[in-house]
Amino acid sequence: GSDSFQPEAKVRCICSSTMVNDSMIQCEDQRCQVWQHLNCVLIPDKPGESAEVPPVFYCELCRLSRAD
């Protein structure tokens, strides 16, 4: 297609929508590398502010598996 997003990109977000938008972030885990919506996974400290984008991001599943 004419769309610039890599076709092999996996979108798996906590919101369960696989829609691709302009603010996406990718999990750093080499075995995972799913894309998620920034505004779903990044919660700002204060309402009305935009959340800080972390330099290294892990999705919720990888965070769980790395916790031990």
C-alpha atoms as a PDB file:
ATOM      1  CA  GLY A   1       0.000   0.000   0.000  1.00  0.00           C
ATOM      2  CA  SER A   2       0.917   3.657  -0.072  1.00  0.00           C
ATOM      3  CA  ASP A   3       1.173   3.750   3.688  1.00  0.00           C
ATOM      4  CA  SER A   4       4.540   4.558   5.173  1.00  0.00           C
ATOM      5  CA  PHE A   5       4.220   2.355   8.245  1.00  0.00           C
ATOM      6  CA  GLN A   6       6.235  -0.887   8.068  1.00  0.00           C
ATOM      7  CA  PRO A   7       3.867  -3.778   7.270  1.00  0.00           C
ATOM      8  CA  GLU A   8       5.736  -6.042   9.676  1.00  0.00           C
ATOM      9  CA  ALA A   9       5.027  -3.677  12.556  1.00  0.00           C
ATOM     10  CA  LYS A  10       2.911  -5.364  15.183  1.00  0.00           C
ATOM     11  CA  VAL A  11       0.375  -3.158  16.899  1.00  0.00           C
ATOM     12  CA  ARG A  12      -0.839  -4.587  20.182  1.00  0.00           C
ATOM     13  CA  CYS A  13      -2.075  -2.007  22.603  1.00  0.00           C
ATOM     14  CA  ILE A  14      -3.852  -2.160  25.940  1.00  0.00           C
ATOM     15  CA  CYS A  15      -6.793  -0.435  24.262  1.00  0.00           C
ATOM     16  CA  SER A  16      -7.091  -3.470  21.934  1.00  0.00           C
ATOM     17  CA  SER A  17      -7.311  -1.248  18.869  1.00  0.00           C
ATOM     18  CA  THR A  18      -4.742  -1.977  16.169  1.00  0.00           C
ATOM     19  CA  MET A  19      -5.235   1.379  14.523  1.00  0.00           C
ATOM     20  CA  VAL A  20      -2.016   3.172  13.662  1.00  0.00           C
ATOM     21  CA  ASN A  21      -1.801   6.845  14.512  1.00  0.00           C
ATOM     22  CA  ASP A  22       0.872   9.527  14.643  1.00  0.00           C
ATOM     23  CA  SER A  23       1.878   8.932  18.230  1.00  0.00           C
ATOM     24  CA  MET A  24       3.111   5.385  18.523  1.00  0.00           C
ATOM     25  CA  ILE A  25       5.894   3.900  20.663  1.00  0.00           C
ATOM     26  CA  GLN A  26       7.677   0.585  20.178  1.00  0.00           C
ATOM     27  CA  CYS A  27       8.635  -1.942  22.845  1.00  0.00           C
ATOM     28  CA  GLU A  28      12.427  -2.263  23.093  1.00  0.00           C
ATOM     29  CA  ASP A  29      12.375  -5.989  23.823  1.00  0.00           C
ATOM     30  CA  GLN A  30      13.928  -7.755  20.826  1.00  0.00           C
ATOM     31  CA  ARG A  31      11.477 -10.651  21.052  1.00  0.00           C
ATOM     32  CA  CYS A  32       8.491  -8.346  21.310  1.00  0.00           C
ATOM     33  CA  GLN A  33       8.791  -5.016  19.488  1.00  0.00           C
ATOM     34  CA  VAL A  34       5.069  -4.332  19.417  1.00  0.00           C
ATOM     35  CA  TRP A  35       3.841  -0.831  18.760  1.00  0.00           C
ATOM     36  CA  GLN A  36       1.446   0.838  21.185  1.00  0.00           C
ATOM     37  CA  HIS A  37      -0.427   4.111  21.217  1.00  0.00           C
ATOM     38  CA  LEU A  38       1.452   6.712  23.227  1.00  0.00           C
ATOM     39  CA  ASN A  39      -1.672   8.157  24.761  1.00  0.00           C
ATOM     40  CA  CYS A  40      -2.821   4.707  25.915  1.00  0.00           C
ATOM     41  CA  VAL A  41       0.363   3.606  27.660  1.00  0.00           C
ATOM     42  CA  LEU A  42       1.856   6.900  28.840  1.00  0.00           C
ATOM     43  CA  ILE A  43      -0.065   8.503  31.649  1.00  0.00           C
ATOM     44  CA  PRO A  44       0.988  12.092  32.419  1.00  0.00           C
ATOM     45  CA  ASP A  45       1.762  13.013  36.009  1.00  0.00           C
ATOM     46  CA  LYS A  46      -0.773  15.804  35.973  1.00  0.00           C
ATOM     47  CA  PRO A  47      -4.056  15.855  34.038  1.00  0.00           C
ATOM     48  CA  GLY A  48      -3.900  18.164  31.055  1.00  0.00           C
ATOM     49  CA  GLU A  49      -0.161  17.731  30.562  1.00  0.00           C
ATOM     50  CA  SER A  50       1.426  15.582  27.915  1.00  0.00           C
ATOM     51  CA  ALA A  51       3.300  12.580  29.229  1.00  0.00           C
ATOM     52  CA  GLU A  52       7.085  12.302  29.114  1.00  0.00           C
ATOM     53  CA  VAL A  53       8.149   9.879  26.407  1.00  0.00           C
ATOM     54  CA  PRO A  54      10.686   7.474  27.935  1.00  0.00           C
ATOM     55  CA  PRO A  55      13.979   6.917  26.060  1.00  0.00           C
ATOM     56  CA  VAL A  56      13.508   3.174  26.518  1.00  0.00           C
ATOM     57  CA  PHE A  57      10.012   1.733  26.482  1.00  0.00           C
ATOM     58  CA  TYR A  58       8.752  -1.736  27.385  1.00  0.00           C
ATOM     59  CA  CYS A  59       5.139  -2.789  26.889  1.00  0.00           C
ATOM     60  CA  GLU A  60       3.126  -3.948  29.890  1.00  0.00           C
ATOM     61  CA  LEU A  61       3.758  -7.655  29.159  1.00  0.00           C
ATOM     62  CA  CYS A  62       7.513  -7.205  28.917  1.00  0.00           C
ATOM     63  CA  ARG A  63       7.543  -5.073  32.048  1.00  0.00           C
ATOM     64  CA  LEU A  64       5.815  -7.925  33.874  1.00  0.00           C
ATOM     65  CA  SER A  65       8.253 -10.529  32.598  1.00  0.00           C
ATOM     66  CA  ARG A  66      11.235  -8.335  33.471  1.00  0.00           C
ATOM     67  CA  ALA A  67      10.023  -7.626  36.984  1.00  0.00           C
ATOM     68  CA  ASP A  68      11.592 -10.665  38.618  1.00  0.00           C
END
